[in-house]
Amino acid sequence: MTASAVLFDMDGVLVDSEDYWVELERERLLPEVVPDANVDVREITGMNYREIYDYLEANYDVAVSREGFLRRFEATAQELYHERVSLLEGIHDLLAELEEENVARAVVSSSPHDWIDIVLERFDLENSFDRVISAEEINGPGKPEPDIFEYAAVQLDLAPGDCVVVEDSAHGIEAAIRAGTTCVAYDIDAHDGIDYSGADAVVTTPAGLREAVLERVEK
């Protein structure tokens, strides 16, 4: 089956922010928020940061308030997206090829719009996408639930089955599969031990990503 749109996650797919998020969550944020538990970062990777607090509060003894947690996350995000992250290799070229083939393109991210906007402006991607969708605009739960990809498909006047999703996290991959999209999993160094078996393709390089995406879209 060929697709009419490609939906890109942001963290770990467009920019290398997962390299930083995983380290900072493991070394700084989680020890501060749940000091009496050893939380596996994989439990929260790919989730909207507001839902992360709900998850931690429901499953562990949290040591900070919701407001304190959100302030920590926001401050960390501003530092990462303004100063640290880099655009992953090949993104501009892939987006240009998709545009030439009239394939719709969207960012579909658990991050809030202001974080996404930093990335799009900093790396000259503001005109590269037909839609920019944050989990914060949907009326439903974030990843790993399928709602955000179902919503993105509707915004593009497509069915989920007409979309290719590029994801790197376990929660994102699960959401894409449950939504009924074609899922290309990007296996990046930041993640360890993710089950990619449900994805339609697993890639490890920019060249592999380009090939996997282009062979699954209408031309």
C-alpha atoms as a PDB file:
ATOM      1  CA  MET A   1       0.000   0.000   0.000  1.00  0.00           C
ATOM      2  CA  THR A   2       1.308   3.467  -0.874  1.00  0.00           C
ATOM      3  CA  ALA A   3       0.721   6.526   1.296  1.00  0.00           C
ATOM      4  CA  SER A   4      -0.230  10.127   0.595  1.00  0.00           C
ATOM      5  CA  ALA A   5       1.387  11.742   3.643  1.00  0.00           C
ATOM      6  CA  VAL A   6       4.348  11.374   5.971  1.00  0.00           C
ATOM      7  CA  LEU A   7       3.947  12.264   9.645  1.00  0.00           C
ATOM      8  CA  PHE A   8       7.229  13.023  11.415  1.00  0.00           C
ATOM      9  CA  ASP A   9       7.768  12.914  15.136  1.00  0.00           C
ATOM     10  CA  MET A  10      10.117  15.717  16.228  1.00  0.00           C
ATOM     11  CA  ASP A  11      12.364  14.472  19.039  1.00  0.00           C
ATOM     12  CA  GLY A  12      14.754  11.839  17.727  1.00  0.00           C
ATOM     13  CA  VAL A  13      13.446  12.117  14.160  1.00  0.00           C
ATOM     14  CA  LEU A  14      13.925  15.726  13.085  1.00  0.00           C
ATOM     15  CA  VAL A  15      16.449  16.688  15.761  1.00  0.00           C
ATOM     16  CA  ASP A  16      18.777  14.723  18.039  1.00  0.00           C
ATOM     17  CA  SER A  17      17.038  15.939  21.205  1.00  0.00           C
ATOM     18  CA  GLU A  18      16.368  12.427  22.487  1.00  0.00           C
ATOM     19  CA  ASP A  19      20.125  12.087  23.065  1.00  0.00           C
ATOM     20  CA  TYR A  20      19.817  14.941  25.560  1.00  0.00           C
ATOM     21  CA  TRP A  21      16.345  14.216  26.948  1.00  0.00           C
ATOM     22  CA  VAL A  22      17.189  10.626  27.875  1.00  0.00           C
ATOM     23  CA  GLU A  23      20.367  11.678  29.670  1.00  0.00           C
ATOM     24  CA  LEU A  24      18.767  14.613  31.482  1.00  0.00           C
ATOM     25  CA  GLU A  25      15.691  12.640  32.488  1.00  0.00           C
ATOM     26  CA  ARG A  26      17.822   9.790  33.801  1.00  0.00           C
ATOM     27  CA  GLU A  27      20.440  11.900  35.557  1.00  0.00           C
ATOM     28  CA  ARG A  28      18.521  14.982  36.695  1.00  0.00           C
ATOM     29  CA  LEU A  29      14.747  15.126  36.280  1.00  0.00           C
ATOM     30  CA  LEU A  30      13.644  11.674  37.426  1.00  0.00           C
ATOM     31  CA  PRO A  31      15.938  11.553  40.490  1.00  0.00           C
ATOM     32  CA  GLU A  32      14.534  14.923  41.586  1.00  0.00           C
ATOM     33  CA  VAL A  33      10.904  14.001  41.007  1.00  0.00           C
ATOM     34  CA  VAL A  34      10.923  10.375  42.231  1.00  0.00           C
ATOM     35  CA  PRO A  35      14.018  10.132  44.435  1.00  0.00           C
ATOM     36  CA  ASP A  36      12.961   6.857  46.077  1.00  0.00           C
ATOM     37  CA  ALA A  37      12.496   4.875  42.861  1.00  0.00           C
ATOM     38  CA  ASN A  38      14.624   3.838  39.918  1.00  0.00           C
ATOM     39  CA  VAL A  39      12.381   4.745  36.979  1.00  0.00           C
ATOM     40  CA  ASP A  40      13.332   3.388  33.557  1.00  0.00           C
ATOM     41  CA  VAL A  41      13.415   6.310  31.107  1.00  0.00           C
ATOM     42  CA  ARG A  42      11.672   4.113  28.532  1.00  0.00           C
ATOM     43  CA  GLU A  43       8.526   4.321  30.662  1.00  0.00           C
ATOM     44  CA  ILE A  44       8.085   7.998  29.806  1.00  0.00           C
ATOM     45  CA  THR A  45       9.928   8.565  26.503  1.00  0.00           C
ATOM     46  CA  GLY A  46       7.597   9.855  23.798  1.00  0.00           C
ATOM     47  CA  MET A  47       4.893  10.996  26.225  1.00  0.00           C
ATOM     48  CA  ASN A  48       3.651  14.560  26.541  1.00  0.00           C
ATOM     49  CA  TYR A  49       5.479  16.078  29.487  1.00  0.00           C
ATOM     50  CA  ARG A  50       2.242  17.007  31.270  1.00  0.00           C
ATOM     51  CA  GLU A  51       1.097  13.397  31.055  1.00  0.00           C
ATOM     52  CA  ILE A  52       4.489  12.253  32.339  1.00  0.00           C
ATOM     53  CA  TYR A  53       3.700  13.870  35.685  1.00  0.00           C
ATOM     54  CA  ASP A  54       0.304  12.145  35.799  1.00  0.00           C
ATOM     55  CA  TYR A  55       2.007   8.825  35.085  1.00  0.00           C
ATOM     56  CA  LEU A  56       4.682   9.308  37.732  1.00  0.00           C
ATOM     57  CA  GLU A  57       2.165  10.489  40.317  1.00  0.00           C
ATOM     58  CA  ALA A  58      -0.038   7.447  39.660  1.00  0.00           C
ATOM     59  CA  ASN A  59       2.801   4.927  39.890  1.00  0.00           C
ATOM     60  CA  TYR A  60       5.418   6.384  42.248  1.00  0.00           C
ATOM     61  CA  ASP A  61       5.835   8.662  45.249  1.00  0.00           C
ATOM     62  CA  VAL A  62       6.598  12.049  43.698  1.00  0.00           C
ATOM     63  CA  ALA A  63       8.638  14.594  45.635  1.00  0.00           C
ATOM     64  CA  VAL A  64       7.719  17.756  43.724  1.00  0.00           C
ATOM     65  CA  SER A  65       4.473  19.496  42.831  1.00  0.00           C
ATOM     66  CA  ARG A  66       3.010  19.486  39.333  1.00  0.00           C
ATOM     67  CA  GLU A  67       3.959  23.173  39.002  1.00  0.00           C
ATOM     68  CA  GLY A  68       7.531  22.451  40.058  1.00  0.00           C
ATOM     69  CA  PHE A  69       7.783  19.560  37.631  1.00  0.00           C
ATOM     70  CA  LEU A  70       6.459  21.606  34.709  1.00  0.00           C
ATOM     71  CA  ARG A  71       8.880  24.445  35.501  1.00  0.00           C
ATOM     72  CA  ARG A  72      11.803  22.005  35.462  1.00  0.00           C
ATOM     73  CA  PHE A  73      10.722  20.514  32.154  1.00  0.00           C
ATOM     74  CA  GLU A  74      10.118  23.883  30.528  1.00  0.00           C
ATOM     75  CA  ALA A  75      13.513  25.247  31.599  1.00  0.00           C
ATOM     76  CA  THR A  76      15.242  22.110  30.306  1.00  0.00           C
ATOM     77  CA  ALA A  77      13.404  22.317  26.982  1.00  0.00           C
ATOM     78  CA  GLN A  78      14.345  25.949  26.419  1.00  0.00           C
ATOM     79  CA  GLU A  79      18.003  25.088  26.984  1.00  0.00           C
ATOM     80  CA  LEU A  80      17.918  22.043  24.717  1.00  0.00           C
ATOM     81  CA  TYR A  81      16.082  23.440  21.722  1.00  0.00           C
ATOM     82  CA  HIS A  82      17.798  26.842  21.708  1.00  0.00           C
ATOM     83  CA  GLU A  83      21.356  25.740  22.459  1.00  0.00           C
ATOM     84  CA  ARG A  84      22.042  22.025  22.170  1.00  0.00           C
ATOM     85  CA  VAL A  85      20.109  20.083  19.563  1.00  0.00           C
ATOM     86  CA  SER A  86      21.146  19.574  15.948  1.00  0.00           C
ATOM     87  CA  LEU A  87      19.066  18.768  12.897  1.00  0.00           C
ATOM     88  CA  LEU A  88      19.435  15.142  11.917  1.00  0.00           C
ATOM     89  CA  GLU A  89      21.230  14.521   8.638  1.00  0.00           C
ATOM     90  CA  GLY A  90      19.178  14.382   5.470  1.00  0.00           C
ATOM     91  CA  ILE A  91      15.970  15.951   6.783  1.00  0.00           C
ATOM     92  CA  HIS A  92      15.929  18.970   4.452  1.00  0.00           C
ATOM     93  CA  ASP A  93      16.601  16.800   1.406  1.00  0.00           C
ATOM     94  CA  LEU A  94      13.930  14.239   2.323  1.00  0.00           C
ATOM     95  CA  LEU A  95      11.313  16.920   2.914  1.00  0.00           C
ATOM     96  CA  ALA A  96      12.178  18.568  -0.400  1.00  0.00           C
ATOM     97  CA  GLU A  97      11.818  15.260  -2.243  1.00  0.00           C
ATOM     98  CA  LEU A  98       8.433  14.623  -0.649  1.00  0.00           C
ATOM     99  CA  GLU A  99       7.273  18.119  -1.606  1.00  0.00           C
ATOM    100  CA  GLU A 100       8.370  17.569  -5.210  1.00  0.00           C
ATOM    101  CA  GLU A 101       6.263  14.394  -5.255  1.00  0.00           C
ATOM    102  CA  ASN A 102       3.249  16.269  -3.783  1.00  0.00           C
ATOM    103  CA  VAL A 103       3.307  14.114  -0.662  1.00  0.00           C
ATOM    104  CA  ALA A 104       1.821  15.880   2.368  1.00  0.00           C
ATOM    105  CA  ARG A 105       4.134  16.407   5.321  1.00  0.00           C
ATOM    106  CA  ALA A 106       3.313  17.015   8.983  1.00  0.00           C
ATOM    107  CA  VAL A 107       5.077  17.274  12.312  1.00  0.00           C
ATOM    108  CA  VAL A 108       3.172  15.215  14.883  1.00  0.00           C
ATOM    109  CA  SER A 109       4.805  15.621  18.280  1.00  0.00           C
ATOM    110  CA  SER A 110       4.125  15.171  21.982  1.00  0.00           C
ATOM    111  CA  SER A 111       5.961  18.447  22.547  1.00  0.00           C
ATOM    112  CA  PRO A 112       4.010  21.706  22.950  1.00  0.00           C
ATOM    113  CA  HIS A 113       3.799  24.110  20.034  1.00  0.00           C
ATOM    114  CA  ASP A 114       6.277  26.610  21.441  1.00  0.00           C
ATOM    115  CA  TRP A 115       9.017  23.948  21.591  1.00  0.00           C
ATOM    116  CA  ILE A 116       8.215  22.784  18.064  1.00  0.00           C
ATOM    117  CA  ASP A 117       8.306  26.394  16.846  1.00  0.00           C
ATOM    118  CA  ILE A 118      11.827  26.855  18.236  1.00  0.00           C
ATOM    119  CA  VAL A 119      13.037  23.879  16.202  1.00  0.00           C
ATOM    120  CA  LEU A 120      11.237  24.892  13.013  1.00  0.00           C
ATOM    121  CA  GLU A 121      12.566  28.454  13.154  1.00  0.00           C
ATOM    122  CA  ARG A 122      16.094  27.542  14.206  1.00  0.00           C
ATOM    123  CA  PHE A 123      16.560  25.004  11.411  1.00  0.00           C
ATOM    124  CA  ASP A 124      14.642  26.812   8.659  1.00  0.00           C
ATOM    125  CA  LEU A 125      11.798  24.284   8.547  1.00  0.00           C
ATOM    126  CA  GLU A 126       8.899  26.707   8.911  1.00  0.00           C
ATOM    127  CA  ASN A 127       7.719  26.234   5.310  1.00  0.00           C
ATOM    128  CA  SER A 128       8.535  22.541   5.053  1.00  0.00           C
ATOM    129  CA  PHE A 129       5.324  21.106   6.518  1.00  0.00           C
ATOM    130  CA  ASP A 130       1.651  21.267   5.615  1.00  0.00           C
ATOM    131  CA  ARG A 131       0.596  20.855   9.237  1.00  0.00           C
ATOM    132  CA  VAL A 132       2.288  21.125  12.641  1.00  0.00           C
ATOM    133  CA  ILE A 133       0.423  19.174  15.305  1.00  0.00           C
ATOM    134  CA  SER A 134       1.101  19.046  19.029  1.00  0.00           C
ATOM    135  CA  ALA A 135      -0.453  16.579  21.464  1.00  0.00           C
ATOM    136  CA  GLU A 136      -1.637  19.612  23.404  1.00  0.00           C
ATOM    137  CA  GLU A 137      -4.223  20.471  20.728  1.00  0.00           C
ATOM    138  CA  ILE A 138      -5.990  17.115  20.638  1.00  0.00           C
ATOM    139  CA  ASN A 139      -9.015  16.248  22.732  1.00  0.00           C
ATOM    140  CA  GLY A 140      -7.686  12.956  23.971  1.00  0.00           C
ATOM    141  CA  PRO A 141      -4.692  11.173  25.473  1.00  0.00           C
ATOM    142  CA  GLY A 142      -1.217  11.389  23.972  1.00  0.00           C
ATOM    143  CA  LYS A 143       1.098   8.618  22.810  1.00  0.00           C
ATOM    144  CA  PRO A 144       1.000   5.598  23.194  1.00  0.00           C
ATOM    145  CA  GLU A 145      -2.714   6.070  22.504  1.00  0.00           C
ATOM    146  CA  PRO A 146      -3.434   6.460  18.761  1.00  0.00           C
ATOM    147  CA  ASP A 147      -5.468   9.682  19.032  1.00  0.00           C
ATOM    148  CA  ILE A 148      -2.782  12.095  17.830  1.00  0.00           C
ATOM    149  CA  PHE A 149      -2.127  10.208  14.581  1.00  0.00           C
ATOM    150  CA  GLU A 150      -5.836   9.739  13.936  1.00  0.00           C
ATOM    151  CA  TYR A 151      -6.279  13.492  14.456  1.00  0.00           C
ATOM    152  CA  ALA A 152      -3.343  14.295  12.155  1.00  0.00           C
ATOM    153  CA  ALA A 153      -4.826  12.183   9.370  1.00  0.00           C
ATOM    154  CA  VAL A 154      -8.151  14.021   9.665  1.00  0.00           C
ATOM    155  CA  GLN A 155      -6.361  17.375   9.477  1.00  0.00           C
ATOM    156  CA  LEU A 156      -4.838  16.259   6.169  1.00  0.00           C
ATOM    157  CA  ASP A 157      -8.198  14.907   4.889  1.00  0.00           C
ATOM    158  CA  LEU A 158      -6.804  11.385   4.869  1.00  0.00           C
ATOM    159  CA  ALA A 159      -7.374   8.080   6.601  1.00  0.00           C
ATOM    160  CA  PRO A 160      -4.630   6.878   8.974  1.00  0.00           C
ATOM    161  CA  GLY A 161      -3.919   4.047   6.550  1.00  0.00           C
ATOM    162  CA  ASP A 162      -2.919   6.650   3.957  1.00  0.00           C
ATOM    163  CA  CYS A 163      -0.103   7.925   6.196  1.00  0.00           C
ATOM    164  CA  VAL A 164       3.474   6.875   6.894  1.00  0.00           C
ATOM    165  CA  VAL A 165       4.637   7.713  10.413  1.00  0.00           C
ATOM    166  CA  VAL A 166       8.312   8.109  11.314  1.00  0.00           C
ATOM    167  CA  GLU A 167       8.858   7.446  15.020  1.00  0.00           C
ATOM    168  CA  ASP A 168      11.734   6.572  17.315  1.00  0.00           C
ATOM    169  CA  SER A 169      10.201   5.900  20.752  1.00  0.00           C
ATOM    170  CA  ALA A 170       8.316   2.835  21.953  1.00  0.00           C
ATOM    171  CA  HIS A 171       5.268   4.952  22.826  1.00  0.00           C
ATOM    172  CA  GLY A 172       5.286   6.671  19.453  1.00  0.00           C
ATOM    173  CA  ILE A 173       5.658   3.420  17.533  1.00  0.00           C
ATOM    174  CA  GLU A 174       2.821   1.858  19.513  1.00  0.00           C
ATOM    175  CA  ALA A 175       0.587   4.864  18.822  1.00  0.00           C
ATOM    176  CA  ALA A 176       1.341   4.732  15.095  1.00  0.00           C
ATOM    177  CA  ILE A 177       0.600   1.012  14.891  1.00  0.00           C
ATOM    178  CA  ARG A 178      -2.630   1.329  16.874  1.00  0.00           C
ATOM    179  CA  ALA A 179      -3.783   4.165  14.617  1.00  0.00           C
ATOM    180  CA  GLY A 180      -3.425   1.921  11.574  1.00  0.00           C
ATOM    181  CA  THR A 181      -0.652   3.891   9.876  1.00  0.00           C
ATOM    182  CA  THR A 182       2.434   2.518   8.175  1.00  0.00           C
ATOM    183  CA  CYS A 183       5.204   2.883  10.748  1.00  0.00           C
ATOM    184  CA  VAL A 184       8.870   3.450   9.958  1.00  0.00           C
ATOM    185  CA  ALA A 185      10.846   3.078  13.182  1.00  0.00           C
ATOM    186  CA  TYR A 186      14.043   5.107  13.490  1.00  0.00           C
ATOM    187  CA  ASP A 187      16.446   3.122  15.690  1.00  0.00           C
ATOM    188  CA  ILE A 188      18.640   5.803  17.263  1.00  0.00           C
ATOM    189  CA  ASP A 189      21.466   5.475  19.786  1.00  0.00           C
ATOM    190  CA  ALA A 190      19.535   7.239  22.562  1.00  0.00           C
ATOM    191  CA  HIS A 191      17.147   4.305  22.979  1.00  0.00           C
ATOM    192  CA  ASP A 192      17.929   0.874  24.351  1.00  0.00           C
ATOM    193  CA  GLY A 193      15.918  -2.306  24.191  1.00  0.00           C
ATOM    194  CA  ILE A 194      12.910  -1.050  22.215  1.00  0.00           C
ATOM    195  CA  ASP A 195      10.696  -3.669  20.585  1.00  0.00           C
ATOM    196  CA  TYR A 196      10.470  -2.701  16.920  1.00  0.00           C
ATOM    197  CA  SER A 197       8.710  -5.878  15.805  1.00  0.00           C
ATOM    198  CA  GLY A 198       5.392  -4.137  15.111  1.00  0.00           C
ATOM    199  CA  ALA A 199       6.881  -1.523  12.780  1.00  0.00           C
ATOM    200  CA  ASP A 200       6.686  -1.938   9.017  1.00  0.00           C
ATOM    201  CA  ALA A 201      10.351  -0.986   8.645  1.00  0.00           C
ATOM    202  CA  VAL A 202      13.263  -0.307  10.989  1.00  0.00           C
ATOM    203  CA  VAL A 203      16.047   2.037   9.875  1.00  0.00           C
ATOM    204  CA  THR A 204      19.275   3.165  11.480  1.00  0.00           C
ATOM    205  CA  THR A 205      20.676   5.753   9.052  1.00  0.00           C
ATOM    206  CA  PRO A 206      19.466   8.833   7.149  1.00  0.00           C
ATOM    207  CA  ALA A 207      19.896   6.914   3.878  1.00  0.00           C
ATOM    208  CA  GLY A 208      17.829   4.054   5.251  1.00  0.00           C
ATOM    209  CA  LEU A 209      15.128   6.450   6.391  1.00  0.00           C
ATOM    210  CA  ARG A 210      14.950   8.116   2.978  1.00  0.00           C
ATOM    211  CA  GLU A 211      14.669   4.775   1.206  1.00  0.00           C
ATOM    212  CA  ALA A 212      12.035   3.374   3.589  1.00  0.00           C
ATOM    213  CA  VAL A 213       9.870   6.492   3.367  1.00  0.00           C
ATOM    214  CA  LEU A 214      10.092   7.082  -0.378  1.00  0.00           C
ATOM    215  CA  GLU A 215       9.290   3.493  -1.286  1.00  0.00           C
ATOM    216  CA  ARG A 216       6.058   3.728   0.731  1.00  0.00           C
ATOM    217  CA  VAL A 217       4.619   6.950  -0.688  1.00  0.00           C
ATOM    218  CA  GLU A 218       2.667   7.654  -3.859  1.00  0.00           C
ATOM    219  CA  LYS A 219       4.712   9.108  -6.695  1.00  0.00           C
END
